[in-house]
N, C-alpha and C. Protein backbone atom coordinates (compact mmCIF):
# COMPACT_ATOMS: atom_id res chain seq x y z
N MET A 1 0.85 -1.19 0.00
CA MET A 1 0.00 0.00 0.00
C MET A 1 0.88 1.24 0.00
N THR A 2 0.58 2.20 -0.84
CA THR A 2 1.39 3.41 -0.91
C THR A 2 1.11 4.31 0.28
N THR A 3 2.10 5.20 0.55
CA THR A 3 1.94 6.15 1.65
C THR A 3 0.76 7.08 1.40
N ALA A 4 0.59 7.49 0.15
CA ALA A 4 -0.51 8.39 -0.20
C ALA A 4 -1.87 7.73 0.05
N LEU A 5 -2.00 6.48 -0.32
CA LEU A 5 -3.27 5.76 -0.11
C LEU A 5 -3.51 5.55 1.38
N ASP A 6 -2.46 5.22 2.10
CA ASP A 6 -2.62 5.00 3.54
C ASP A 6 -3.07 6.29 4.23
N SER A 7 -2.50 7.41 3.84
CA SER A 7 -2.89 8.70 4.39
C SER A 7 -4.35 9.02 4.04
N TRP A 8 -4.75 8.71 2.81
CA TRP A 8 -6.13 8.97 2.38
C TRP A 8 -7.10 8.12 3.21
N LEU A 9 -6.76 6.87 3.40
CA LEU A 9 -7.63 5.98 4.17
C LEU A 9 -7.73 6.40 5.63
N THR A 10 -6.63 6.87 6.18
CA THR A 10 -6.64 7.32 7.57
C THR A 10 -7.62 8.46 7.76
N ARG A 11 -7.61 9.41 6.83
CA ARG A 11 -8.54 10.56 6.92
C ARG A 11 -9.96 10.13 6.60
N ALA A 12 -10.13 9.25 5.63
CA ALA A 12 -11.48 8.86 5.20
C ALA A 12 -12.19 8.00 6.23
N THR A 13 -11.45 7.26 7.04
CA THR A 13 -12.07 6.37 8.03
C THR A 13 -12.05 6.95 9.44
N ARG A 14 -11.71 8.22 9.57
CA ARG A 14 -11.65 8.87 10.89
C ARG A 14 -13.01 8.79 11.59
N GLN A 15 -13.00 8.36 12.85
CA GLN A 15 -14.17 8.25 13.71
C GLN A 15 -15.12 7.10 13.34
N LEU A 16 -14.81 6.34 12.33
CA LEU A 16 -15.67 5.21 11.99
C LEU A 16 -15.39 4.05 12.94
N SER A 17 -16.40 3.20 13.12
CA SER A 17 -16.21 2.01 13.94
C SER A 17 -15.21 1.08 13.27
N ARG A 18 -14.71 0.11 14.03
CA ARG A 18 -13.71 -0.80 13.49
C ARG A 18 -14.23 -1.57 12.28
N ASP A 19 -15.46 -2.10 12.36
CA ASP A 19 -16.03 -2.86 11.26
C ASP A 19 -16.27 -1.97 10.04
N ALA A 20 -16.78 -0.76 10.28
CA ALA A 20 -17.04 0.15 9.17
C ALA A 20 -15.74 0.55 8.49
N ALA A 21 -14.72 0.84 9.28
CA ALA A 21 -13.42 1.22 8.70
C ALA A 21 -12.83 0.08 7.88
N ALA A 22 -12.99 -1.15 8.36
CA ALA A 22 -12.47 -2.30 7.62
C ALA A 22 -13.17 -2.46 6.28
N ARG A 23 -14.49 -2.25 6.26
CA ARG A 23 -15.24 -2.34 4.99
C ARG A 23 -14.80 -1.26 4.02
N VAL A 24 -14.63 -0.05 4.54
CA VAL A 24 -14.20 1.06 3.68
C VAL A 24 -12.82 0.77 3.10
N ARG A 25 -11.91 0.32 3.94
CA ARG A 25 -10.56 0.02 3.47
C ARG A 25 -10.56 -1.04 2.37
N ALA A 26 -11.35 -2.08 2.57
CA ALA A 26 -11.40 -3.15 1.57
C ALA A 26 -11.93 -2.63 0.23
N GLU A 27 -12.99 -1.82 0.29
CA GLU A 27 -13.59 -1.29 -0.94
C GLU A 27 -12.65 -0.31 -1.63
N ILE A 28 -12.05 0.59 -0.85
CA ILE A 28 -11.18 1.61 -1.43
C ILE A 28 -9.92 0.98 -2.02
N GLU A 29 -9.36 0.01 -1.33
CA GLU A 29 -8.17 -0.65 -1.87
C GLU A 29 -8.49 -1.34 -3.19
N GLU A 30 -9.69 -1.90 -3.30
CA GLU A 30 -10.09 -2.52 -4.57
C GLU A 30 -10.21 -1.48 -5.67
N HIS A 31 -10.84 -0.33 -5.36
CA HIS A 31 -10.95 0.75 -6.35
C HIS A 31 -9.57 1.29 -6.73
N PHE A 32 -8.71 1.43 -5.73
CA PHE A 32 -7.36 1.94 -5.97
C PHE A 32 -6.60 1.01 -6.91
N ASP A 33 -6.63 -0.29 -6.64
CA ASP A 33 -5.92 -1.25 -7.48
C ASP A 33 -6.45 -1.23 -8.90
N SER A 34 -7.77 -1.11 -9.05
CA SER A 34 -8.36 -1.07 -10.38
C SER A 34 -7.91 0.16 -11.15
N SER A 35 -7.95 1.33 -10.49
CA SER A 35 -7.53 2.57 -11.15
C SER A 35 -6.03 2.55 -11.45
N ARG A 36 -5.26 2.00 -10.55
CA ARG A 36 -3.81 1.93 -10.76
C ARG A 36 -3.48 1.02 -11.94
N ASP A 37 -4.15 -0.13 -11.99
CA ASP A 37 -3.89 -1.05 -13.11
C ASP A 37 -4.27 -0.41 -14.44
N ALA A 38 -5.36 0.35 -14.43
CA ALA A 38 -5.78 1.01 -15.67
C ALA A 38 -4.75 2.05 -16.10
N ALA A 39 -4.21 2.79 -15.13
CA ALA A 39 -3.19 3.79 -15.45
C ALA A 39 -1.92 3.13 -15.97
N LEU A 40 -1.53 2.04 -15.35
CA LEU A 40 -0.33 1.32 -15.82
C LEU A 40 -0.54 0.78 -17.23
N ALA A 41 -1.75 0.34 -17.52
CA ALA A 41 -2.04 -0.18 -18.86
C ALA A 41 -1.94 0.91 -19.91
N ARG A 42 -2.16 2.17 -19.47
CA ARG A 42 -2.06 3.29 -20.42
C ARG A 42 -0.62 3.77 -20.58
N GLY A 43 0.30 3.13 -19.88
CA GLY A 43 1.71 3.48 -20.03
C GLY A 43 2.26 4.37 -18.95
N ALA A 44 1.51 4.64 -17.90
CA ALA A 44 1.98 5.50 -16.81
C ALA A 44 3.02 4.78 -15.98
N SER A 45 3.91 5.55 -15.36
CA SER A 45 4.89 4.96 -14.46
C SER A 45 4.20 4.53 -13.17
N SER A 46 4.91 3.76 -12.36
CA SER A 46 4.32 3.28 -11.12
C SER A 46 3.93 4.43 -10.20
N GLU A 47 4.82 5.45 -10.10
CA GLU A 47 4.53 6.60 -9.23
C GLU A 47 3.34 7.40 -9.76
N ASP A 48 3.32 7.62 -11.08
CA ASP A 48 2.21 8.37 -11.67
C ASP A 48 0.89 7.60 -11.52
N ALA A 49 0.96 6.28 -11.66
CA ALA A 49 -0.25 5.46 -11.54
C ALA A 49 -0.80 5.54 -10.11
N ASP A 50 0.11 5.54 -9.13
CA ASP A 50 -0.32 5.66 -7.72
C ASP A 50 -1.01 7.00 -7.49
N ARG A 51 -0.40 8.08 -7.99
CA ARG A 51 -0.98 9.41 -7.78
C ARG A 51 -2.33 9.52 -8.48
N ALA A 52 -2.42 8.99 -9.67
CA ALA A 52 -3.69 9.06 -10.41
C ALA A 52 -4.78 8.27 -9.71
N ALA A 53 -4.41 7.11 -9.16
CA ALA A 53 -5.41 6.28 -8.47
C ALA A 53 -5.91 6.95 -7.20
N VAL A 54 -5.01 7.60 -6.46
CA VAL A 54 -5.42 8.31 -5.24
C VAL A 54 -6.28 9.51 -5.59
N THR A 55 -5.90 10.24 -6.65
CA THR A 55 -6.68 11.40 -7.08
C THR A 55 -8.08 10.99 -7.49
N ALA A 56 -8.20 9.83 -8.12
CA ALA A 56 -9.51 9.35 -8.57
C ALA A 56 -10.45 9.05 -7.40
N LEU A 57 -9.88 8.84 -6.22
CA LEU A 57 -10.71 8.55 -5.05
C LEU A 57 -11.46 9.78 -4.55
N GLY A 58 -10.99 10.96 -4.91
CA GLY A 58 -11.66 12.18 -4.48
C GLY A 58 -11.10 12.69 -3.16
N ASP A 59 -11.81 13.64 -2.56
CA ASP A 59 -11.36 14.26 -1.32
C ASP A 59 -11.67 13.35 -0.14
N ALA A 60 -10.66 13.05 0.67
CA ALA A 60 -10.83 12.13 1.79
C ALA A 60 -11.75 12.69 2.87
N THR A 61 -11.68 13.99 3.11
CA THR A 61 -12.53 14.61 4.14
C THR A 61 -13.99 14.54 3.75
N THR A 62 -14.27 14.80 2.48
CA THR A 62 -15.65 14.69 1.99
C THR A 62 -16.13 13.25 2.08
N ALA A 63 -15.27 12.32 1.71
CA ALA A 63 -15.63 10.91 1.78
C ALA A 63 -15.92 10.50 3.23
N ASN A 64 -15.11 10.99 4.16
CA ASN A 64 -15.32 10.66 5.57
C ASN A 64 -16.68 11.16 6.07
N ARG A 65 -17.03 12.37 5.65
CA ARG A 65 -18.33 12.92 6.05
C ARG A 65 -19.47 12.08 5.50
N GLN A 66 -19.32 11.60 4.28
CA GLN A 66 -20.36 10.77 3.66
C GLN A 66 -20.42 9.39 4.33
N TYR A 67 -19.28 8.83 4.66
CA TYR A 67 -19.25 7.53 5.34
C TYR A 67 -19.91 7.61 6.71
N ARG A 68 -19.60 8.68 7.47
CA ARG A 68 -20.16 8.81 8.81
C ARG A 68 -21.67 9.01 8.80
N ALA A 69 -22.19 9.44 7.66
CA ALA A 69 -23.64 9.64 7.55
C ALA A 69 -24.38 8.32 7.37
N VAL A 70 -23.68 7.28 6.89
CA VAL A 70 -24.37 6.02 6.61
C VAL A 70 -23.77 4.82 7.34
N MET A 71 -22.61 4.99 7.98
CA MET A 71 -21.96 3.91 8.69
C MET A 71 -21.82 4.26 10.16
N LEU A 72 -21.70 3.23 11.00
CA LEU A 72 -21.57 3.47 12.43
C LEU A 72 -20.23 4.10 12.76
N THR A 73 -20.28 5.12 13.62
CA THR A 73 -19.06 5.72 14.13
C THR A 73 -18.60 4.94 15.36
N ARG A 74 -17.41 5.28 15.85
CA ARG A 74 -16.91 4.60 17.06
C ARG A 74 -17.83 4.86 18.25
N ALA A 75 -18.31 6.10 18.38
CA ALA A 75 -19.20 6.43 19.50
C ALA A 75 -20.50 5.64 19.41
N GLU A 76 -21.06 5.54 18.21
CA GLU A 76 -22.31 4.80 18.03
C GLU A 76 -22.11 3.31 18.30
N ALA A 77 -21.00 2.77 17.83
CA ALA A 77 -20.71 1.36 18.07
C ALA A 77 -20.55 1.09 19.56
N ARG A 78 -19.96 2.03 20.28
CA ARG A 78 -19.78 1.85 21.73
C ARG A 78 -21.14 1.88 22.44
N VAL A 79 -22.01 2.81 22.06
CA VAL A 79 -23.35 2.87 22.67
C VAL A 79 -24.12 1.58 22.39
N LEU A 80 -24.04 1.09 21.16
CA LEU A 80 -24.74 -0.14 20.79
C LEU A 80 -24.17 -1.34 21.54
N ARG A 81 -22.86 -1.39 21.66
CA ARG A 81 -22.21 -2.50 22.37
C ARG A 81 -22.58 -2.49 23.85
N ASP A 82 -22.57 -1.32 24.47
CA ASP A 82 -22.93 -1.22 25.89
C ASP A 82 -24.40 -1.60 26.11
N ALA A 83 -25.26 -1.17 25.18
CA ALA A 83 -26.69 -1.49 25.32
C ALA A 83 -26.92 -2.99 25.19
N LYS A 84 -26.23 -3.63 24.26
CA LYS A 84 -26.37 -5.08 24.11
C LYS A 84 -25.87 -5.80 25.35
N TRP A 85 -24.76 -5.31 25.93
CA TRP A 85 -24.22 -5.93 27.13
C TRP A 85 -25.21 -5.82 28.29
N GLU A 86 -25.81 -4.63 28.45
CA GLU A 86 -26.80 -4.44 29.51
C GLU A 86 -27.99 -5.38 29.31
N GLY A 87 -28.43 -5.51 28.05
CA GLY A 87 -29.54 -6.41 27.76
C GLY A 87 -29.23 -7.85 28.09
N ARG A 88 -28.01 -8.29 27.77
CA ARG A 88 -27.62 -9.67 28.07
C ARG A 88 -27.55 -9.90 29.58
N VAL A 89 -27.05 -8.91 30.31
CA VAL A 89 -26.95 -9.04 31.77
C VAL A 89 -28.33 -9.22 32.38
N VAL A 90 -29.29 -8.41 31.93
CA VAL A 90 -30.64 -8.48 32.48
C VAL A 90 -31.32 -9.80 32.10
N CYS A 91 -31.21 -10.16 30.83
CA CYS A 91 -31.92 -11.35 30.34
C CYS A 91 -31.30 -12.65 30.86
N SER A 92 -30.03 -12.62 31.19
CA SER A 92 -29.37 -13.85 31.63
C SER A 92 -29.65 -14.18 33.10
N ARG A 93 -30.23 -13.25 33.83
CA ARG A 93 -30.54 -13.46 35.23
C ARG A 93 -32.02 -13.22 35.48
N PRO A 94 -32.84 -14.28 35.55
CA PRO A 94 -34.28 -14.10 35.73
C PRO A 94 -34.64 -13.29 36.96
N TRP A 95 -33.90 -13.48 38.06
CA TRP A 95 -34.22 -12.74 39.28
C TRP A 95 -34.02 -11.25 39.10
N THR A 96 -33.08 -10.86 38.20
CA THR A 96 -32.86 -9.43 37.95
C THR A 96 -34.09 -8.80 37.33
N LYS A 97 -34.75 -9.53 36.43
CA LYS A 97 -35.97 -9.01 35.81
C LYS A 97 -37.02 -8.69 36.87
N TRP A 98 -37.21 -9.63 37.78
CA TRP A 98 -38.24 -9.44 38.79
C TRP A 98 -37.90 -8.29 39.72
N VAL A 99 -36.64 -8.16 40.10
CA VAL A 99 -36.23 -7.07 40.98
C VAL A 99 -36.45 -5.72 40.30
N LEU A 100 -36.00 -5.61 39.06
CA LEU A 100 -36.13 -4.34 38.34
C LEU A 100 -37.59 -3.98 38.09
N ALA A 101 -38.40 -5.00 37.80
CA ALA A 101 -39.82 -4.74 37.57
C ALA A 101 -40.55 -4.39 38.86
N ALA A 102 -40.06 -4.93 39.99
CA ALA A 102 -40.74 -4.70 41.27
C ALA A 102 -40.41 -3.35 41.88
N LEU A 103 -39.24 -2.80 41.60
CA LEU A 103 -38.84 -1.54 42.22
C LEU A 103 -39.82 -0.40 41.97
N PRO A 104 -40.25 -0.16 40.71
CA PRO A 104 -41.21 0.92 40.48
C PRO A 104 -42.53 0.68 41.22
N VAL A 105 -42.97 -0.57 41.25
CA VAL A 105 -44.23 -0.89 41.92
C VAL A 105 -44.12 -0.61 43.42
N VAL A 106 -43.02 -1.00 44.01
CA VAL A 106 -42.81 -0.76 45.44
C VAL A 106 -42.80 0.73 45.74
N ALA A 107 -42.13 1.50 44.88
CA ALA A 107 -42.05 2.95 45.09
C ALA A 107 -43.43 3.59 44.97
N LEU A 108 -44.23 3.18 44.00
CA LEU A 108 -45.56 3.75 43.82
C LEU A 108 -46.50 3.36 44.95
N VAL A 109 -46.40 2.12 45.40
CA VAL A 109 -47.20 1.69 46.54
C VAL A 109 -46.81 2.48 47.79
N GLY A 110 -45.51 2.68 47.96
CA GLY A 110 -45.05 3.48 49.08
C GLY A 110 -45.55 4.91 49.01
N ALA A 111 -45.61 5.48 47.81
CA ALA A 111 -46.14 6.83 47.65
C ALA A 111 -47.61 6.90 48.07
N ALA A 112 -48.37 5.88 47.68
CA ALA A 112 -49.79 5.84 48.06
C ALA A 112 -49.95 5.72 49.57
N VAL A 113 -49.12 4.89 50.19
CA VAL A 113 -49.20 4.69 51.64
C VAL A 113 -48.87 5.98 52.38
N TYR A 114 -47.80 6.64 51.98
CA TYR A 114 -47.39 7.86 52.66
C TYR A 114 -48.38 9.01 52.40
N THR A 115 -49.04 8.98 51.26
CA THR A 115 -50.07 9.97 51.00
C THR A 115 -51.22 9.81 51.99
N GLN A 116 -51.62 8.57 52.23
CA GLN A 116 -52.68 8.29 53.20
C GLN A 116 -52.26 8.70 54.61
N MET A 117 -50.97 8.63 54.90
CA MET A 117 -50.47 8.99 56.22
C MET A 117 -50.26 10.50 56.37
N GLY A 118 -50.43 11.22 55.28
CA GLY A 118 -50.24 12.67 55.33
C GLY A 118 -48.81 13.11 55.14
N GLU A 119 -47.90 12.18 54.83
CA GLU A 119 -46.49 12.52 54.61
C GLU A 119 -46.29 12.83 53.12
N HIS A 120 -46.74 14.01 52.72
CA HIS A 120 -46.78 14.34 51.29
C HIS A 120 -45.39 14.53 50.69
N ALA A 121 -44.45 15.04 51.46
CA ALA A 121 -43.10 15.24 50.93
C ALA A 121 -42.45 13.91 50.56
N ILE A 122 -42.57 12.93 51.48
CA ILE A 122 -42.01 11.60 51.20
C ILE A 122 -42.77 10.94 50.05
N ALA A 123 -44.10 11.12 50.04
CA ALA A 123 -44.91 10.53 48.97
C ALA A 123 -44.50 11.09 47.62
N GLN A 124 -44.20 12.38 47.58
CA GLN A 124 -43.81 13.00 46.31
C GLN A 124 -42.49 12.42 45.81
N VAL A 125 -41.55 12.25 46.72
CA VAL A 125 -40.25 11.68 46.33
C VAL A 125 -40.44 10.26 45.80
N LEU A 126 -41.24 9.47 46.47
CA LEU A 126 -41.47 8.09 46.04
C LEU A 126 -42.22 8.04 44.71
N LEU A 127 -43.15 8.97 44.51
CA LEU A 127 -43.90 9.00 43.26
C LEU A 127 -42.98 9.31 42.09
N VAL A 128 -42.18 10.35 42.26
CA VAL A 128 -41.23 10.72 41.20
C VAL A 128 -40.25 9.58 40.95
N GLY A 129 -39.74 8.99 42.05
CA GLY A 129 -38.80 7.88 41.89
C GLY A 129 -39.44 6.67 41.24
N GLY A 130 -40.70 6.38 41.58
CA GLY A 130 -41.38 5.24 40.98
C GLY A 130 -41.58 5.40 39.49
N VAL A 131 -41.99 6.59 39.08
CA VAL A 131 -42.17 6.85 37.64
C VAL A 131 -40.83 6.77 36.92
N ALA A 132 -39.80 7.37 37.51
CA ALA A 132 -38.48 7.34 36.89
C ALA A 132 -37.96 5.91 36.76
N LEU A 133 -38.12 5.11 37.81
CA LEU A 133 -37.68 3.72 37.76
C LEU A 133 -38.48 2.93 36.73
N GLY A 134 -39.77 3.23 36.64
CA GLY A 134 -40.61 2.54 35.66
C GLY A 134 -40.15 2.81 34.25
N VAL A 135 -39.85 4.08 33.95
CA VAL A 135 -39.36 4.44 32.62
C VAL A 135 -38.04 3.75 32.33
N ALA A 136 -37.18 3.67 33.35
CA ALA A 136 -35.84 3.12 33.14
C ALA A 136 -35.81 1.61 33.05
N PHE A 137 -36.66 0.92 33.85
CA PHE A 137 -36.53 -0.52 34.00
C PHE A 137 -37.60 -1.37 33.33
N VAL A 138 -38.79 -0.81 33.13
CA VAL A 138 -39.90 -1.63 32.64
C VAL A 138 -39.83 -1.86 31.13
N GLY A 139 -39.27 -0.90 30.40
CA GLY A 139 -39.24 -0.99 28.94
C GLY A 139 -38.76 -2.30 28.37
N PRO A 140 -37.61 -2.82 28.85
CA PRO A 140 -37.10 -4.08 28.28
C PRO A 140 -38.04 -5.27 28.41
N PHE A 141 -39.01 -5.19 29.32
CA PHE A 141 -39.91 -6.32 29.53
C PHE A 141 -41.21 -6.19 28.73
N LEU A 142 -41.41 -5.06 28.07
CA LEU A 142 -42.63 -4.84 27.30
C LEU A 142 -42.49 -5.43 25.90
N PRO A 143 -43.60 -5.82 25.26
CA PRO A 143 -43.54 -6.38 23.90
C PRO A 143 -43.36 -5.31 22.83
N VAL A 144 -42.26 -4.56 22.95
CA VAL A 144 -41.96 -3.50 21.99
C VAL A 144 -40.92 -4.03 21.02
N TYR A 145 -41.38 -4.53 19.86
CA TYR A 145 -40.46 -5.12 18.91
C TYR A 145 -40.84 -4.79 17.46
N THR A 146 -41.59 -3.70 17.28
CA THR A 146 -41.87 -3.19 15.94
C THR A 146 -41.53 -1.71 15.91
N VAL A 147 -41.34 -1.17 14.72
CA VAL A 147 -40.99 0.24 14.58
C VAL A 147 -42.07 1.14 15.16
N THR A 148 -43.33 0.82 14.88
CA THR A 148 -44.44 1.64 15.37
C THR A 148 -44.52 1.61 16.88
N ARG A 149 -44.44 0.43 17.46
CA ARG A 149 -44.49 0.32 18.92
C ARG A 149 -43.31 1.04 19.55
N GLY A 150 -42.17 0.98 18.89
CA GLY A 150 -41.00 1.67 19.41
C GLY A 150 -41.21 3.18 19.45
N ARG A 151 -41.80 3.73 18.40
CA ARG A 151 -42.06 5.17 18.37
C ARG A 151 -43.05 5.57 19.46
N VAL A 152 -44.08 4.75 19.62
CA VAL A 152 -45.07 5.05 20.67
C VAL A 152 -44.41 4.99 22.04
N TYR A 153 -43.62 3.95 22.28
CA TYR A 153 -42.97 3.81 23.59
C TYR A 153 -42.04 4.98 23.86
N ARG A 154 -41.24 5.37 22.86
CA ARG A 154 -40.30 6.47 23.09
C ARG A 154 -41.03 7.78 23.34
N GLY A 155 -42.17 7.98 22.66
CA GLY A 155 -42.95 9.17 22.92
C GLY A 155 -43.47 9.20 24.35
N VAL A 156 -44.02 8.07 24.79
CA VAL A 156 -44.52 7.98 26.17
C VAL A 156 -43.37 8.14 27.16
N LYS A 157 -42.22 7.56 26.84
CA LYS A 157 -41.07 7.64 27.73
C LYS A 157 -40.64 9.08 27.95
N TRP A 158 -40.56 9.86 26.87
CA TRP A 158 -40.11 11.24 27.02
C TRP A 158 -41.16 12.13 27.66
N VAL A 159 -42.43 11.83 27.43
CA VAL A 159 -43.48 12.56 28.16
C VAL A 159 -43.35 12.30 29.65
N ALA A 160 -43.09 11.03 30.00
CA ALA A 160 -42.93 10.68 31.42
C ALA A 160 -41.70 11.35 32.02
N ILE A 161 -40.61 11.37 31.27
CA ILE A 161 -39.38 12.00 31.78
C ILE A 161 -39.59 13.49 32.02
N ILE A 162 -40.19 14.16 31.04
CA ILE A 162 -40.45 15.60 31.19
C ILE A 162 -41.43 15.85 32.33
N GLY A 163 -42.43 14.98 32.45
CA GLY A 163 -43.39 15.12 33.54
C GLY A 163 -42.75 14.95 34.90
N VAL A 164 -41.86 13.97 35.01
CA VAL A 164 -41.15 13.74 36.28
C VAL A 164 -40.31 14.95 36.65
N VAL A 165 -39.59 15.48 35.67
CA VAL A 165 -38.74 16.65 35.93
C VAL A 165 -39.58 17.85 36.34
N ALA A 166 -40.67 18.10 35.61
CA ALA A 166 -41.53 19.23 35.93
C ALA A 166 -42.15 19.08 37.31
N PHE A 167 -42.54 17.85 37.64
CA PHE A 167 -43.16 17.60 38.95
C PHE A 167 -42.13 17.76 40.07
N ALA A 168 -40.90 17.31 39.80
CA ALA A 168 -39.87 17.37 40.84
C ALA A 168 -39.44 18.81 41.13
N PHE A 169 -39.33 19.63 40.09
CA PHE A 169 -38.87 21.00 40.28
C PHE A 169 -40.01 21.98 40.53
N GLY A 170 -41.21 21.59 40.13
CA GLY A 170 -42.36 22.45 40.37
C GLY A 170 -42.30 23.74 39.55
N PRO A 171 -42.92 24.81 40.04
CA PRO A 171 -42.97 26.07 39.28
C PRO A 171 -41.61 26.73 39.10
N ASP A 172 -40.61 26.30 39.86
CA ASP A 172 -39.28 26.90 39.73
C ASP A 172 -38.40 26.17 38.72
N ALA A 173 -39.00 25.32 37.88
CA ALA A 173 -38.20 24.51 36.95
C ALA A 173 -37.35 25.38 36.03
N LEU A 174 -37.92 26.48 35.50
CA LEU A 174 -37.17 27.32 34.56
C LEU A 174 -35.99 28.01 35.24
N LYS A 175 -36.10 28.26 36.54
CA LYS A 175 -35.00 28.91 37.24
C LYS A 175 -33.79 27.99 37.35
N TRP A 176 -34.04 26.70 37.28
CA TRP A 176 -32.98 25.71 37.41
C TRP A 176 -32.65 25.08 36.06
N TRP A 177 -32.77 25.88 34.99
CA TRP A 177 -32.57 25.34 33.64
C TRP A 177 -31.20 24.71 33.48
N TRP A 178 -30.17 25.28 34.09
CA TRP A 178 -28.81 24.75 33.95
C TRP A 178 -28.70 23.35 34.57
N LEU A 179 -29.42 23.16 35.71
CA LEU A 179 -29.40 21.85 36.34
C LEU A 179 -30.21 20.84 35.53
N LEU A 180 -31.31 21.29 34.94
CA LEU A 180 -32.13 20.41 34.11
C LEU A 180 -31.34 19.92 32.90
N ILE A 181 -30.63 20.86 32.28
CA ILE A 181 -29.85 20.49 31.10
C ILE A 181 -28.76 19.49 31.47
N SER A 182 -28.08 19.74 32.59
CA SER A 182 -27.00 18.83 32.99
C SER A 182 -27.54 17.44 33.35
N CYS A 183 -28.76 17.39 33.87
CA CYS A 183 -29.36 16.11 34.23
C CYS A 183 -29.88 15.35 33.01
N LEU A 184 -30.48 16.10 32.08
CA LEU A 184 -31.12 15.45 30.93
C LEU A 184 -30.16 15.25 29.76
N TRP A 185 -29.04 15.97 29.74
CA TRP A 185 -28.15 15.89 28.58
C TRP A 185 -27.67 14.46 28.29
N PRO A 186 -27.25 13.67 29.30
CA PRO A 186 -26.83 12.29 28.97
C PRO A 186 -27.95 11.48 28.31
N LEU A 187 -29.19 11.65 28.78
CA LEU A 187 -30.31 10.93 28.18
C LEU A 187 -30.56 11.40 26.75
N ILE A 188 -30.47 12.72 26.54
CA ILE A 188 -30.69 13.27 25.19
C ILE A 188 -29.61 12.78 24.24
N TRP A 189 -28.36 12.75 24.70
CA TRP A 189 -27.26 12.32 23.84
C TRP A 189 -27.42 10.85 23.46
N ILE A 190 -27.77 10.02 24.43
CA ILE A 190 -27.96 8.59 24.15
C ILE A 190 -29.11 8.39 23.17
N GLU A 191 -30.22 9.12 23.38
CA GLU A 191 -31.37 8.98 22.48
C GLU A 191 -31.01 9.45 21.07
N TRP A 192 -30.28 10.55 20.98
CA TRP A 192 -29.84 11.06 19.67
C TRP A 192 -28.94 10.03 18.98
N THR A 193 -28.03 9.44 19.73
CA THR A 193 -27.12 8.45 19.16
C THR A 193 -27.88 7.21 18.70
N ARG A 194 -28.83 6.76 19.51
CA ARG A 194 -29.63 5.60 19.12
C ARG A 194 -30.45 5.89 17.88
N GLY A 195 -30.95 7.13 17.77
CA GLY A 195 -31.69 7.50 16.56
C GLY A 195 -30.81 7.43 15.33
N SER A 196 -29.57 7.87 15.47
CA SER A 196 -28.62 7.78 14.35
C SER A 196 -28.34 6.33 13.98
N ILE A 197 -28.22 5.47 14.99
CA ILE A 197 -27.98 4.05 14.73
C ILE A 197 -29.17 3.43 14.02
N ARG A 198 -30.39 3.81 14.41
CA ARG A 198 -31.60 3.28 13.76
C ARG A 198 -31.61 3.61 12.27
N ARG A 199 -31.16 4.80 11.94
CA ARG A 199 -31.15 5.21 10.52
C ARG A 199 -30.12 4.44 9.71
N LYS A 200 -29.08 3.95 10.36
CA LYS A 200 -27.99 3.30 9.64
C LYS A 200 -28.12 1.78 9.57
N LEU A 201 -28.79 1.18 10.55
CA LEU A 201 -28.93 -0.27 10.56
C LEU A 201 -30.30 -0.68 10.01
N PRO A 202 -30.36 -1.74 9.24
CA PRO A 202 -31.67 -2.27 8.83
C PRO A 202 -32.43 -2.77 10.05
N VAL A 203 -33.76 -2.68 10.00
CA VAL A 203 -34.58 -3.07 11.15
C VAL A 203 -34.30 -4.51 11.57
N SER A 204 -34.00 -5.36 10.61
CA SER A 204 -33.75 -6.77 10.92
C SER A 204 -32.54 -6.96 11.83
N GLU A 205 -31.67 -5.95 11.93
CA GLU A 205 -30.47 -6.06 12.76
C GLU A 205 -30.61 -5.29 14.07
N TRP A 206 -31.79 -4.71 14.31
CA TRP A 206 -31.97 -3.95 15.56
C TRP A 206 -32.03 -4.89 16.76
N PRO A 207 -31.23 -4.63 17.80
CA PRO A 207 -31.46 -5.33 19.07
C PRO A 207 -32.65 -4.68 19.76
N LYS A 208 -33.16 -5.30 20.80
CA LYS A 208 -34.36 -4.81 21.50
C LYS A 208 -34.17 -3.36 21.96
N VAL A 209 -32.98 -3.02 22.38
CA VAL A 209 -32.76 -1.69 22.97
C VAL A 209 -33.02 -0.56 21.97
N LEU A 210 -32.86 -0.82 20.67
CA LEU A 210 -33.10 0.24 19.70
C LEU A 210 -34.56 0.57 19.51
N TYR A 211 -35.45 -0.32 19.92
CA TYR A 211 -36.87 -0.03 19.86
C TYR A 211 -37.31 0.85 21.02
N LEU A 212 -36.51 0.90 22.08
CA LEU A 212 -36.92 1.56 23.31
C LEU A 212 -36.49 3.02 23.36
């Protein structure tokens, strides 16, 4: 491989996942060899054929931008890998499912009990916690395995998240906008990244977590 081609590939595959970068390299090397052979057949020297083949590939930065639009980046691959790992951990331990599913129920029951006792502050904390735990833990156990159901679930999930935040902060929510952003930003980033992954992977390759 020539130094020029190696440099082009390094720039073109920047930030791509390992598998995506490997596919790009294989395809580009094939195009490079084809263009180089054609140039040599026309009588070009080896150095001129290399330069012509690299030039025919176009701008590496532009190619990288186009690749990242349709292929998984390293960040997206990491999010997908972590989500699959979390799913395997939960599914491989039946008792974990029951514990995670029971936590929101326990919190909501506790909120009802403390409301009856007149302990409204504690009841409010348990209510907010129960809803938050439900959004976080119940999803994997629901029969959400189609694109439409996934959209409905995600809509309900974000309504619940916004409702929990609004309820927790009350009328002073806007005054604490910086805290809200810092709390919600990790969730927003993960959701944005998962949305990008959904656009790049065929539905047949979606793990359960991408529907949620």
